[in-house]
């Protein structure tokens, strides 16, 4: 017997992503999905130089900002430049485990039910 897929609107899929689940879209290849990255703070002083995902120019900028942070933070209520903060990022994963950024739609066009929730969280 063929499995029945219950497709949902984007707002329902978004709630599943925020809760930590994965979703896929009708018409995508099997194995492709979207997830919401877990918010994280990465310490600039100890981690940035080791990050393979950052170009050298970006590493240099973060380290420069760290060097300037004492002066900068004296003007701010909350110290900002000691960490890189990942927030509200969505990622698309294809069949080859390649991860790219995913820009979620604001709303599903015409309220279409075209999203499948892969994980019940």
PDB file of N, CA and C in Angstrom:
ATOM      1  N   UNK A   1       0.832  -1.178   0.000  1.00  0.00           N
ATOM      2  CA  UNK A   1       0.000   0.000   0.000  1.00  0.00           C
ATOM      3  C   UNK A   1       0.881   1.247   0.000  1.00  0.00           C
ATOM      4  N   UNK A   2       0.545   2.196  -0.822  1.00  0.00           N
ATOM      5  CA  UNK A   2       1.308   3.426  -0.944  1.00  0.00           C
ATOM      6  C   UNK A   2       1.075   4.328   0.270  1.00  0.00           C
ATOM      7  N   UNK A   3       2.181   4.900   0.784  1.00  0.00           N
ATOM      8  CA  UNK A   3       2.092   5.800   1.928  1.00  0.00           C
ATOM      9  C   UNK A   3       1.404   7.099   1.515  1.00  0.00           C
ATOM     10  N   UNK A   4       0.503   7.573   2.337  1.00  0.00           N
ATOM     11  CA  UNK A   4      -0.188   8.839   2.089  1.00  0.00           C
ATOM     12  C   UNK A   4       0.639   9.952   2.720  1.00  0.00           C
ATOM     13  N   UNK A   5       0.973  10.954   1.918  1.00  0.00           N
ATOM     14  CA  UNK A   5       1.744  12.093   2.413  1.00  0.00           C
ATOM     15  C   UNK A   5       0.775  13.226   2.705  1.00  0.00           C
ATOM     16  N   UNK A   6       0.850  13.750   3.902  1.00  0.00           N
ATOM     17  CA  UNK A   6       0.021  14.889   4.273  1.00  0.00           C
ATOM     18  C   UNK A   6       0.822  16.167   4.070  1.00  0.00           C
ATOM     19  N   UNK A   7       0.528  16.874   3.008  1.00  0.00           N
ATOM     20  CA  UNK A   7       1.207  18.136   2.734  1.00  0.00           C
ATOM     21  C   UNK A   7       0.561  19.253   3.545  1.00  0.00           C
ATOM     22  N   UNK A   8       1.388  20.243   3.906  1.00  0.00           N
ATOM     23  CA  UNK A   8       0.916  21.356   4.731  1.00  0.00           C
ATOM     24  C   UNK A   8       1.334  22.683   4.104  1.00  0.00           C
ATOM     25  N   UNK A   9       0.752  23.762   4.600  1.00  0.00           N
ATOM     26  CA  UNK A   9       1.130  25.108   4.162  1.00  0.00           C
ATOM     27  C   UNK A   9       2.492  25.482   4.766  1.00  0.00           C
ATOM     28  N   UNK A  10       3.086  26.534   4.231  1.00  0.00           N
ATOM     29  CA  UNK A  10       4.396  26.971   4.703  1.00  0.00           C
ATOM     30  C   UNK A  10       4.373  27.316   6.190  1.00  0.00           C
ATOM     31  N   UNK A  11       3.326  27.968   6.696  1.00  0.00           N
ATOM     32  CA  UNK A  11       3.313  28.370   8.100  1.00  0.00           C
ATOM     33  C   UNK A  11       3.379  27.162   9.030  1.00  0.00           C
ATOM     34  N   UNK A  12       2.772  26.074   8.646  1.00  0.00           N
ATOM     35  CA  UNK A  12       2.832  24.841   9.441  1.00  0.00           C
ATOM     36  C   UNK A  12       4.229  24.231   9.342  1.00  0.00           C
ATOM     37  N   UNK A  13       4.797  24.226   8.147  1.00  0.00           N
ATOM     38  CA  UNK A  13       6.157  23.708   7.950  1.00  0.00           C
ATOM     39  C   UNK A  13       7.164  24.544   8.743  1.00  0.00           C
ATOM     40  N   UNK A  14       6.971  25.856   8.752  1.00  0.00           N
ATOM     41  CA  UNK A  14       7.871  26.748   9.486  1.00  0.00           C
ATOM     42  C   UNK A  14       7.850  26.427  10.981  1.00  0.00           C
ATOM     43  N   UNK A  15       6.677  26.168  11.523  1.00  0.00           N
ATOM     44  CA  UNK A  15       6.577  25.807  12.941  1.00  0.00           C
ATOM     45  C   UNK A  15       7.365  24.527  13.216  1.00  0.00           C
ATOM     46  N   UNK A  16       7.308  23.567  12.306  1.00  0.00           N
ATOM     47  CA  UNK A  16       8.074  22.327  12.467  1.00  0.00           C
ATOM     48  C   UNK A  16       9.577  22.606  12.423  1.00  0.00           C
ATOM     49  N   UNK A  17      10.009  23.498  11.535  1.00  0.00           N
ATOM     50  CA  UNK A  17      11.430  23.862  11.452  1.00  0.00           C
ATOM     51  C   UNK A  17      11.894  24.526  12.745  1.00  0.00           C
ATOM     52  N   UNK A  18      11.107  25.456  13.250  1.00  0.00           N
ATOM     53  CA  UNK A  18      11.466  26.160  14.481  1.00  0.00           C
ATOM     54  C   UNK A  18      11.560  25.185  15.649  1.00  0.00           C
ATOM     55  N   UNK A  19      10.732  24.150  15.634  1.00  0.00           N
ATOM     56  CA  UNK A  19      10.758  23.138  16.698  1.00  0.00           C
ATOM     57  C   UNK A  19      11.929  22.168  16.559  1.00  0.00           C
ATOM     58  N   UNK A  20      12.668  22.239  15.439  1.00  0.00           N
ATOM     59  CA  UNK A  20      13.836  21.375  15.255  1.00  0.00           C
ATOM     60  C   UNK A  20      13.656  20.272  14.238  1.00  0.00           C
ATOM     61  N   UNK A  21      12.576  20.300  13.495  1.00  0.00           N
ATOM     62  CA  UNK A  21      12.329  19.265  12.495  1.00  0.00           C
ATOM     63  C   UNK A  21      12.895  19.611  11.128  1.00  0.00           C
ATOM     64  N   UNK A  22      12.710  18.681  10.209  1.00  0.00           N
ATOM     65  CA  UNK A  22      13.101  18.872   8.810  1.00  0.00           C
ATOM     66  C   UNK A  22      11.837  18.868   7.958  1.00  0.00           C
ATOM     67  N   UNK A  23      11.886  19.605   6.847  1.00  0.00           N
ATOM     68  CA  UNK A  23      10.772  19.599   5.900  1.00  0.00           C
ATOM     69  C   UNK A  23      11.322  19.466   4.488  1.00  0.00           C
ATOM     70  N   UNK A  24      10.482  18.977   3.604  1.00  0.00           N
ATOM     71  CA  UNK A  24      10.811  18.908   2.189  1.00  0.00           C
ATOM     72  C   UNK A  24       9.625  19.468   1.415  1.00  0.00           C
ATOM     73  N   UNK A  25       9.823  19.724   0.145  1.00  0.00           N
ATOM     74  CA  UNK A  25       8.781  20.338  -0.671  1.00  0.00           C
ATOM     75  C   UNK A  25       8.369  19.388  -1.790  1.00  0.00           C
ATOM     76  N   UNK A  26       7.092  19.405  -2.080  1.00  0.00           N
ATOM     77  CA  UNK A  26       6.552  18.600  -3.176  1.00  0.00           C
ATOM     78  C   UNK A  26       7.349  18.934  -4.447  1.00  0.00           C
ATOM     79  N   UNK A  27       7.821  17.902  -5.136  1.00  0.00           N
ATOM     80  CA  UNK A  27       8.578  18.104  -6.370  1.00  0.00           C
ATOM     81  C   UNK A  27      10.087  18.066  -6.197  1.00  0.00           C
ATOM     82  N   UNK A  28      10.574  18.169  -4.964  1.00  0.00           N
ATOM     83  CA  UNK A  28      12.011  18.058  -4.727  1.00  0.00           C
ATOM     84  C   UNK A  28      12.427  16.593  -4.824  1.00  0.00           C
ATOM     85  N   UNK A  29      13.696  16.362  -5.167  1.00  0.00           N
ATOM     86  CA  UNK A  29      14.226  15.003  -5.208  1.00  0.00           C
ATOM     87  C   UNK A  29      14.180  14.384  -3.811  1.00  0.00           C
ATOM     88  N   UNK A  30      13.988  13.087  -3.777  1.00  0.00           N
ATOM     89  CA  UNK A  30      13.989  12.373  -2.500  1.00  0.00           C
ATOM     90  C   UNK A  30      15.322  12.600  -1.799  1.00  0.00           C
ATOM     91  N   UNK A  31      15.276  12.851  -0.526  1.00  0.00           N
ATOM     92  CA  UNK A  31      16.494  13.068   0.251  1.00  0.00           C
ATOM     93  C   UNK A  31      16.852  14.522   0.440  1.00  0.00           C
ATOM     94  N   UNK A  32      16.236  15.424  -0.312  1.00  0.00           N
ATOM     95  CA  UNK A  32      16.497  16.855  -0.146  1.00  0.00           C
ATOM     96  C   UNK A  32      15.580  17.402   0.944  1.00  0.00           C
ATOM     97  N   UNK A  33      16.116  18.265   1.797  1.00  0.00           N
ATOM     98  CA  UNK A  33      15.303  18.819   2.874  1.00  0.00           C
ATOM     99  C   UNK A  33      15.866  20.150   3.353  1.00  0.00           C
ATOM    100  N   UNK A  34      15.087  20.815   4.191  1.00  0.00           N
ATOM    101  CA  UNK A  34      15.471  22.076   4.815  1.00  0.00           C
ATOM    102  C   UNK A  34      15.434  21.880   6.325  1.00  0.00           C
ATOM    103  N   UNK A  35      16.360  22.549   7.033  1.00  0.00           N
ATOM    104  CA  UNK A  35      16.327  22.571   8.492  1.00  0.00           C
ATOM    105  C   UNK A  35      16.720  23.958   8.967  1.00  0.00           C
ATOM    106  N   UNK A  36      16.399  24.264  10.205  1.00  0.00           N
ATOM    107  CA  UNK A  36      16.790  25.535  10.821  1.00  0.00           C
ATOM    108  C   UNK A  36      17.993  25.251  11.702  1.00  0.00           C
ATOM    109  N   UNK A  37      19.062  25.986  11.462  1.00  0.00           N
ATOM    110  CA  UNK A  37      20.260  25.774  12.254  1.00  0.00           C
ATOM    111  C   UNK A  37      20.021  26.173  13.707  1.00  0.00           C
ATOM    112  N   UNK A  38      20.684  25.475  14.594  1.00  0.00           N
ATOM    113  CA  UNK A  38      20.607  25.770  16.014  1.00  0.00           C
ATOM    114  C   UNK A  38      21.400  27.056  16.262  1.00  0.00           C
ATOM    115  N   UNK A  39      20.811  28.033  16.947  1.00  0.00           N
ATOM    116  CA  UNK A  39      21.567  29.259  17.244  1.00  0.00           C
ATOM    117  C   UNK A  39      22.855  28.921  17.994  1.00  0.00           C
ATOM    118  N   UNK A  40      23.923  29.619  17.647  1.00  0.00           N
ATOM    119  CA  UNK A  40      25.213  29.337  18.279  1.00  0.00           C
ATOM    120  C   UNK A  40      26.053  30.605  18.340  1.00  0.00           C
ATOM    121  N   UNK A  41      26.915  30.649  19.332  1.00  0.00           N
ATOM    122  CA  UNK A  41      27.916  31.707  19.433  1.00  0.00           C
ATOM    123  C   UNK A  41      29.282  31.057  19.303  1.00  0.00           C
ATOM    124  N   UNK A  42      30.064  31.570  18.362  1.00  0.00           N
ATOM    125  CA  UNK A  42      31.397  31.036  18.092  1.00  0.00           C
ATOM    126  C   UNK A  42      32.421  32.044  18.592  1.00  0.00           C
ATOM    127  N   UNK A  43      33.328  31.599  19.451  1.00  0.00           N
ATOM    128  CA  UNK A  43      34.335  32.481  20.017  1.00  0.00           C
ATOM    129  C   UNK A  43      35.356  32.883  18.956  1.00  0.00           C
ATOM    130  N   UNK A  44      35.499  34.179  18.748  1.00  0.00           N
ATOM    131  CA  UNK A  44      36.408  34.676  17.712  1.00  0.00           C
ATOM    132  C   UNK A  44      37.861  34.358  18.056  1.00  0.00           C
ATOM    133  N   UNK A  45      38.242  34.562  19.289  1.00  0.00           N
ATOM    134  CA  UNK A  45      39.654  34.424  19.672  1.00  0.00           C
ATOM    135  C   UNK A  45      40.187  32.999  19.511  1.00  0.00           C
ATOM    136  N   UNK A  46      39.355  31.994  19.756  1.00  0.00           N
ATOM    137  CA  UNK A  46      39.866  30.628  19.753  1.00  0.00           C
ATOM    138  C   UNK A  46      39.405  29.760  18.585  1.00  0.00           C
ATOM    139  N   UNK A  47      38.331  30.134  17.907  1.00  0.00           N
ATOM    140  CA  UNK A  47      37.748  29.246  16.904  1.00  0.00           C
ATOM    141  C   UNK A  47      37.888  29.757  15.472  1.00  0.00           C
ATOM    142  N   UNK A  48      37.792  31.052  15.265  1.00  0.00           N
ATOM    143  CA  UNK A  48      37.708  31.604  13.901  1.00  0.00           C
ATOM    144  C   UNK A  48      38.854  31.149  13.002  1.00  0.00           C
ATOM    145  N   UNK A  49      40.068  31.162  13.500  1.00  0.00           N
ATOM    146  CA  UNK A  49      41.208  30.780  12.657  1.00  0.00           C
ATOM    147  C   UNK A  49      41.117  29.341  12.170  1.00  0.00           C
ATOM    148  N   UNK A  50      40.394  28.484  12.890  1.00  0.00           N
ATOM    149  CA  UNK A  50      40.265  27.073  12.535  1.00  0.00           C
ATOM    150  C   UNK A  50      39.084  26.794  11.615  1.00  0.00           C
ATOM    151  N   UNK A  51      38.218  27.771  11.402  1.00  0.00           N
ATOM    152  CA  UNK A  51      36.994  27.544  10.626  1.00  0.00           C
ATOM    153  C   UNK A  51      37.307  27.396   9.141  1.00  0.00           C
ATOM    154  N   UNK A  52      36.976  26.249   8.587  1.00  0.00           N
ATOM    155  CA  UNK A  52      37.207  25.988   7.172  1.00  0.00           C
ATOM    156  C   UNK A  52      36.192  26.695   6.280  1.00  0.00           C
ATOM    157  N   UNK A  53      35.054  27.065   6.850  1.00  0.00           N
ATOM    158  CA  UNK A  53      33.980  27.640   6.041  1.00  0.00           C
ATOM    159  C   UNK A  53      34.121  29.141   5.828  1.00  0.00           C
ATOM    160  N   UNK A  54      35.138  29.768   6.410  1.00  0.00           N
ATOM    161  CA  UNK A  54      35.326  31.209   6.246  1.00  0.00           C
ATOM    162  C   UNK A  54      36.544  31.504   5.383  1.00  0.00           C
ATOM    163  N   UNK A  55      36.403  32.406   4.405  1.00  0.00           N
ATOM    164  CA  UNK A  55      37.574  32.855   3.645  1.00  0.00           C
ATOM    165  C   UNK A  55      38.542  33.604   4.570  1.00  0.00           C
ATOM    166  N   UNK A  56      39.793  33.627   4.198  1.00  0.00           N
ATOM    167  CA  UNK A  56      40.814  34.304   5.011  1.00  0.00           C
ATOM    168  C   UNK A  56      40.471  35.771   5.246  1.00  0.00           C
ATOM    169  N   UNK A  57      39.891  36.439   4.251  1.00  0.00           N
ATOM    170  CA  UNK A  57      39.556  37.858   4.409  1.00  0.00           C
ATOM    171  C   UNK A  57      38.490  38.063   5.490  1.00  0.00           C
ATOM    172  N   UNK A  58      37.559  37.128   5.606  1.00  0.00           N
ATOM    173  CA  UNK A  58      36.514  37.226   6.632  1.00  0.00           C
ATOM    174  C   UNK A  58      37.111  36.943   8.006  1.00  0.00           C
ATOM    175  N   UNK A  59      37.995  35.947   8.088  1.00  0.00           N
ATOM    176  CA  UNK A  59      38.675  35.667   9.350  1.00  0.00           C
ATOM    177  C   UNK A  59      39.443  36.910   9.816  1.00  0.00           C
ATOM    178  N   UNK A  60      40.140  37.532   8.879  1.00  0.00           N
ATOM    179  CA  UNK A  60      40.922  38.725   9.215  1.00  0.00           C
ATOM    180  C   UNK A  60      40.023  39.840   9.733  1.00  0.00           C
ATOM    181  N   UNK A  61      38.866  40.021   9.134  1.00  0.00           N
ATOM    182  CA  UNK A  61      37.941  41.064   9.580  1.00  0.00           C
ATOM    183  C   UNK A  61      37.428  40.782  10.989  1.00  0.00           C
ATOM    184  N   UNK A  62      37.053  39.523  11.266  1.00  0.00           N
ATOM    185  CA  UNK A  62      36.582  39.186  12.608  1.00  0.00           C
ATOM    186  C   UNK A  62      37.688  39.400  13.644  1.00  0.00           C
ATOM    187  N   UNK A  63      38.914  39.026  13.306  1.00  0.00           N
ATOM    188  CA  UNK A  63      40.025  39.215  14.235  1.00  0.00           C
ATOM    189  C   UNK A  63      40.330  40.698  14.432  1.00  0.00           C
ATOM    190  N   UNK A  64      40.213  41.484  13.374  1.00  0.00           N
ATOM    191  CA  UNK A  64      40.379  42.942  13.490  1.00  0.00           C
ATOM    192  C   UNK A  64      39.317  43.506  14.433  1.00  0.00           C
ATOM    193  N   UNK A  65      38.086  43.089  14.243  1.00  0.00           N
ATOM    194  CA  UNK A  65      37.010  43.569  15.113  1.00  0.00           C
ATOM    195  C   UNK A  65      37.252  43.164  16.561  1.00  0.00           C
ATOM    196  N   UNK A  66      37.779  41.968  16.774  1.00  0.00           N
ATOM    197  CA  UNK A  66      38.105  41.528  18.127  1.00  0.00           C
ATOM    198  C   UNK A  66      39.145  42.457  18.740  1.00  0.00           C
ATOM    199  N   UNK A  67      40.181  42.804  17.953  1.00  0.00           N
ATOM    200  CA  UNK A  67      41.212  43.725  18.438  1.00  0.00           C
ATOM    201  C   UNK A  67      40.628  45.089  18.788  1.00  0.00           C
ATOM    202  N   UNK A  68      39.634  45.523  18.047  1.00  0.00           N
ATOM    203  CA  UNK A  68      39.008  46.829  18.262  1.00  0.00           C
ATOM    204  C   UNK A  68      37.867  46.774  19.277  1.00  0.00           C
ATOM    205  N   UNK A  69      37.561  45.587  19.774  1.00  0.00           N
ATOM    206  CA  UNK A  69      36.337  45.408  20.555  1.00  0.00           C
ATOM    207  C   UNK A  69      36.315  46.176  21.864  1.00  0.00           C
ATOM    208  N   UNK A  70      37.457  46.373  22.511  1.00  0.00           N
ATOM    209  CA  UNK A  70      37.439  47.082  23.792  1.00  0.00           C
ATOM    210  C   UNK A  70      36.926  48.505  23.599  1.00  0.00           C
ATOM    211  N   UNK A  71      37.430  49.190  22.590  1.00  0.00           N
ATOM    212  CA  UNK A  71      36.964  50.552  22.308  1.00  0.00           C
ATOM    213  C   UNK A  71      35.510  50.546  21.851  1.00  0.00           C
ATOM    214  N   UNK A  72      35.178  49.627  20.957  1.00  0.00           N
ATOM    215  CA  UNK A  72      33.825  49.545  20.419  1.00  0.00           C
ATOM    216  C   UNK A  72      32.828  49.217  21.523  1.00  0.00           C
ATOM    217  N   UNK A  73      33.155  48.219  22.352  1.00  0.00           N
ATOM    218  CA  UNK A  73      32.226  47.766  23.389  1.00  0.00           C
ATOM    219  C   UNK A  73      32.024  48.790  24.483  1.00  0.00           C
ATOM    220  N   UNK A  74      32.972  49.714  24.662  1.00  0.00           N
ATOM    221  CA  UNK A  74      32.774  50.753  25.667  1.00  0.00           C
ATOM    222  C   UNK A  74      31.620  51.670  25.272  1.00  0.00           C
ATOM    223  N   UNK A  75      31.255  51.672  23.991  1.00  0.00           N
ATOM    224  CA  UNK A  75      30.156  52.504  23.504  1.00  0.00           C
ATOM    225  C   UNK A  75      28.839  51.725  23.437  1.00  0.00           C
ATOM    226  N   UNK A  76      28.877  50.444  23.721  1.00  0.00           N
ATOM    227  CA  UNK A  76      27.695  49.587  23.594  1.00  0.00           C
ATOM    228  C   UNK A  76      27.263  49.077  24.968  1.00  0.00           C
ATOM    229  N   UNK A  77      25.967  48.800  25.093  1.00  0.00           N
ATOM    230  CA  UNK A  77      25.467  48.219  26.339  1.00  0.00           C
ATOM    231  C   UNK A  77      25.862  46.753  26.468  1.00  0.00           C
ATOM    232  N   UNK A  78      25.911  46.044  25.336  1.00  0.00           N
ATOM    233  CA  UNK A  78      26.223  44.616  25.338  1.00  0.00           C
ATOM    234  C   UNK A  78      27.473  44.382  24.500  1.00  0.00           C
ATOM    235  N   UNK A  79      28.500  43.725  25.049  1.00  0.00           N
ATOM    236  CA  UNK A  79      29.688  43.417  24.239  1.00  0.00           C
ATOM    237  C   UNK A  79      29.298  42.539  23.053  1.00  0.00           C
ATOM    238  N   UNK A  80      29.739  42.913  21.865  1.00  0.00           N
ATOM    239  CA  UNK A  80      29.299  42.222  20.672  1.00  0.00           C
ATOM    240  C   UNK A  80      30.388  41.517  19.891  1.00  0.00           C
ATOM    241  N   UNK A  81      31.588  41.958  19.947  1.00  0.00           N
ATOM    242  CA  UNK A  81      32.555  41.529  18.956  1.00  0.00           C
ATOM    243  C   UNK A  81      33.429  40.344  19.354  1.00  0.00           C
ATOM    244  N   UNK A  82      33.188  39.737  20.499  1.00  0.00           N
ATOM    245  CA  UNK A  82      33.991  38.581  20.890  1.00  0.00           C
ATOM    246  C   UNK A  82      33.476  37.287  20.267  1.00  0.00           C
ATOM    247  N   UNK A  83      32.258  37.309  19.743  1.00  0.00           N
ATOM    248  CA  UNK A  83      31.671  36.101  19.169  1.00  0.00           C
ATOM    249  C   UNK A  83      31.052  36.383  17.805  1.00  0.00           C
ATOM    250  N   UNK A  84      30.942  35.318  17.028  1.00  0.00           N
ATOM    251  CA  UNK A  84      30.120  35.323  15.813  1.00  0.00           C
ATOM    252  C   UNK A  84      28.827  34.642  16.232  1.00  0.00           C
ATOM    253  N   UNK A  85      27.705  35.257  15.952  1.00  0.00           N
ATOM    254  CA  UNK A  85      26.427  34.693  16.371  1.00  0.00           C
ATOM    255  C   UNK A  85      25.637  34.215  15.159  1.00  0.00           C
ATOM    256  N   UNK A  86      25.322  32.941  15.155  1.00  0.00           N
ATOM    257  CA  UNK A  86      24.463  32.361  14.128  1.00  0.00           C
ATOM    258  C   UNK A  86      23.032  32.366  14.669  1.00  0.00           C
ATOM    259  N   UNK A  87      22.147  33.071  13.982  1.00  0.00           N
ATOM    260  CA  UNK A  87      20.744  33.129  14.409  1.00  0.00           C
ATOM    261  C   UNK A  87      19.832  33.050  13.194  1.00  0.00           C
ATOM    262  N   UNK A  88      18.713  32.383  13.367  1.00  0.00           N
ATOM    263  CA  UNK A  88      17.652  32.347  12.351  1.00  0.00           C
ATOM    264  C   UNK A  88      18.134  31.989  10.952  1.00  0.00           C
ATOM    265  N   UNK A  89      19.015  31.010  10.862  1.00  0.00           N
ATOM    266  CA  UNK A  89      19.486  30.570   9.550  1.00  0.00           C
ATOM    267  C   UNK A  89      18.804  29.271   9.163  1.00  0.00           C
ATOM    268  N   UNK A  90      18.407  29.202   7.908  1.00  0.00           N
ATOM    269  CA  UNK A  90      17.825  27.992   7.358  1.00  0.00           C
ATOM    270  C   UNK A  90      18.797  27.425   6.332  1.00  0.00           C
ATOM    271  N   UNK A  91      18.867  26.112   6.264  1.00  0.00           N
ATOM    272  CA  UNK A  91      19.801  25.469   5.346  1.00  0.00           C
ATOM    273  C   UNK A  91      19.069  24.412   4.522  1.00  0.00           C
ATOM    274  N   UNK A  92      19.482  24.283   3.272  1.00  0.00           N
ATOM    275  CA  UNK A  92      18.948  23.296   2.334  1.00  0.00           C
ATOM    276  C   UNK A  92      20.012  22.228   2.152  1.00  0.00           C
ATOM    277  N   UNK A  93      19.628  20.965   2.294  1.00  0.00           N
ATOM    278  CA  UNK A  93      20.556  19.848   2.140  1.00  0.00           C
ATOM    279  C   UNK A  93      20.100  19.010   0.949  1.00  0.00           C
ATOM    280  N   UNK A  94      21.043  18.750   0.021  1.00  0.00           N
ATOM    281  CA  UNK A  94      20.676  17.912  -1.125  1.00  0.00           C
ATOM    282  C   UNK A  94      21.130  16.472  -0.885  1.00  0.00           C
ATOM    283  N   UNK A  95      20.931  15.624  -1.883  1.00  0.00           N
ATOM    284  CA  UNK A  95      21.230  14.197  -1.755  1.00  0.00           C
ATOM    285  C   UNK A  95      22.708  13.913  -1.520  1.00  0.00           C
ATOM    286  N   UNK A  96      23.574  14.836  -1.912  1.00  0.00           N
ATOM    287  CA  UNK A  96      25.021  14.639  -1.757  1.00  0.00           C
ATOM    288  C   UNK A  96      25.547  15.256  -0.459  1.00  0.00           C
ATOM    289  N   UNK A  97      24.636  15.618   0.465  1.00  0.00           N
ATOM    290  CA  UNK A  97      24.990  16.262   1.739  1.00  0.00           C
ATOM    291  C   UNK A  97      25.626  17.630   1.560  1.00  0.00           C
ATOM    292  N   UNK A  98      25.356  18.276   0.453  1.00  0.00           N
ATOM    293  CA  UNK A  98      25.819  19.655   0.263  1.00  0.00           C
ATOM    294  C   UNK A  98      24.798  20.577   0.923  1.00  0.00           C
ATOM    295  N   UNK A  99      25.298  21.503   1.718  1.00  0.00           N
ATOM    296  CA  UNK A  99      24.424  22.420   2.456  1.00  0.00           C
ATOM    297  C   UNK A  99      24.581  23.817   1.883  1.00  0.00           C
ATOM    298  N   UNK A 100      23.459  24.441   1.567  1.00  0.00           N
ATOM    299  CA  UNK A 100      23.442  25.824   1.106  1.00  0.00           C
ATOM    300  C   UNK A 100      22.412  26.601   1.921  1.00  0.00           C
ATOM    301  N   UNK A 101      22.529  27.904   1.886  1.00  0.00           N
ATOM    302  CA  UNK A 101      21.541  28.740   2.565  1.00  0.00           C
ATOM    303  C   UNK A 101      20.189  28.584   1.902  1.00  0.00           C
ATOM    304  N   UNK A 102      19.155  28.700   2.697  1.00  0.00           N
ATOM    305  CA  UNK A 102      17.790  28.603   2.195  1.00  0.00           C
ATOM    306  C   UNK A 102      17.043  29.836   2.664  1.00  0.00           C
ATOM    307  N   UNK A 103      16.497  30.568   1.738  1.00  0.00           N
ATOM    308  CA  UNK A 103      15.707  31.758   2.059  1.00  0.00           C
ATOM    309  C   UNK A 103      14.243  31.350   2.118  1.00  0.00           C
ATOM    310  N   UNK A 104      13.686  31.269   3.321  1.00  0.00           N
ATOM    311  CA  UNK A 104      12.299  30.804   3.413  1.00  0.00           C
ATOM    312  C   UNK A 104      11.328  31.826   2.830  1.00  0.00           C
ATOM    313  N   UNK A 105      10.258  31.332   2.242  1.00  0.00           N
ATOM    314  CA  UNK A 105       9.248  32.259   1.745  1.00  0.00           C
ATOM    315  C   UNK A 105       8.546  32.943   2.915  1.00  0.00           C
ATOM    316  N   UNK A 106       8.074  34.141   2.681  1.00  0.00           N
ATOM    317  CA  UNK A 106       7.327  34.839   3.724  1.00  0.00           C
ATOM    318  C   UNK A 106       6.018  34.090   3.969  1.00  0.00           C
ATOM    319  N   UNK A 107       5.343  33.735   2.910  1.00  0.00           N
ATOM    320  CA  UNK A 107       4.128  32.918   2.993  1.00  0.00           C
ATOM    321  C   UNK A 107       4.125  31.987   1.798  1.00  0.00           C
ATOM    322  N   UNK A 108       3.443  30.904   1.912  1.00  0.00           N
ATOM    323  CA  UNK A 108       3.314  29.991   0.789  1.00  0.00           C
ATOM    324  C   UNK A 108       2.373  30.624  -0.227  1.00  0.00           C
ATOM    325  N   UNK A 109       2.791  30.732  -1.488  1.00  0.00           N
ATOM    326  CA  UNK A 109       1.926  31.349  -2.489  1.00  0.00           C
ATOM    327  C   UNK A 109       0.558  30.674  -2.523  1.00  0.00           C
ATOM    328  N   UNK A 110      -0.465  31.480  -2.473  1.00  0.00           N
ATOM    329  CA  UNK A 110      -1.852  31.004  -2.516  1.00  0.00           C
ATOM    330  C   UNK A 110      -2.179  30.011  -1.407  1.00  0.00           C
ATOM    331  N   UNK A 111      -1.378  29.988  -0.348  1.00  0.00           N
ATOM    332  CA  UNK A 111      -1.635  29.066   0.748  1.00  0.00           C
ATOM    333  C   UNK A 111      -1.549  27.606   0.339  1.00  0.00           C
ATOM    334  N   UNK A 112      -0.734  27.303  -0.669  1.00  0.00           N
ATOM    335  CA  UNK A 112      -0.634  25.924  -1.164  1.00  0.00           C
ATOM    336  C   UNK A 112      -0.093  24.986  -0.104  1.00  0.00           C
ATOM    337  N   UNK A 113      -0.649  23.807  -0.070  1.00  0.00           N
ATOM    338  CA  UNK A 113      -0.146  22.760   0.806  1.00  0.00           C
ATOM    339  C   UNK A 113       0.850  21.931   0.005  1.00  0.00           C
ATOM    340  N   UNK A 114       2.129  22.355   0.077  1.00  0.00           N
ATOM    341  CA  UNK A 114       3.171  21.736  -0.742  1.00  0.00           C
ATOM    342  C   UNK A 114       4.398  21.325   0.068  1.00  0.00           C
ATOM    343  N   UNK A 115       4.303  21.400   1.385  1.00  0.00           N
ATOM    344  CA  UNK A 115       5.418  21.065   2.263  1.00  0.00           C
ATOM    345  C   UNK A 115       5.108  19.796   3.039  1.00  0.00           C
ATOM    346  N   UNK A 116       6.125  18.958   3.193  1.00  0.00           N
ATOM    347  CA  UNK A 116       5.979  17.719   3.962  1.00  0.00           C
ATOM    348  C   UNK A 116       6.885  17.796   5.184  1.00  0.00           C
ATOM    349  N   UNK A 117       6.333  17.548   6.345  1.00  0.00           N
ATOM    350  CA  UNK A 117       7.113  17.524   7.578  1.00  0.00           C
ATOM    351  C   UNK A 117       7.724  16.128   7.714  1.00  0.00           C
ATOM    352  N   UNK A 118       9.051  16.078   7.795  1.00  0.00           N
ATOM    353  CA  UNK A 118       9.756  14.788   7.860  1.00  0.00           C
ATOM    354  C   UNK A 118       9.939  14.278   9.284  1.00  0.00           C
ATOM    355  N   UNK A 119       9.952  15.175  10.243  1.00  0.00           N
ATOM    356  CA  UNK A 119      10.185  14.795  11.646  1.00  0.00           C
ATOM    357  C   UNK A 119       9.082  15.368  12.521  1.00  0.00           C
ATOM    358  N   UNK A 120       8.502  14.542  13.336  1.00  0.00           N
ATOM    359  CA  UNK A 120       7.527  15.008  14.313  1.00  0.00           C
ATOM    360  C   UNK A 120       8.278  15.313  15.605  1.00  0.00           C
ATOM    361  N   UNK A 121       8.424  16.591  15.900  1.00  0.00           N
ATOM    362  CA  UNK A 121       9.164  17.000  17.106  1.00  0.00           C
ATOM    363  C   UNK A 121       8.257  17.699  18.087  1.00  0.00           C
TER     364      UNK A 121
END
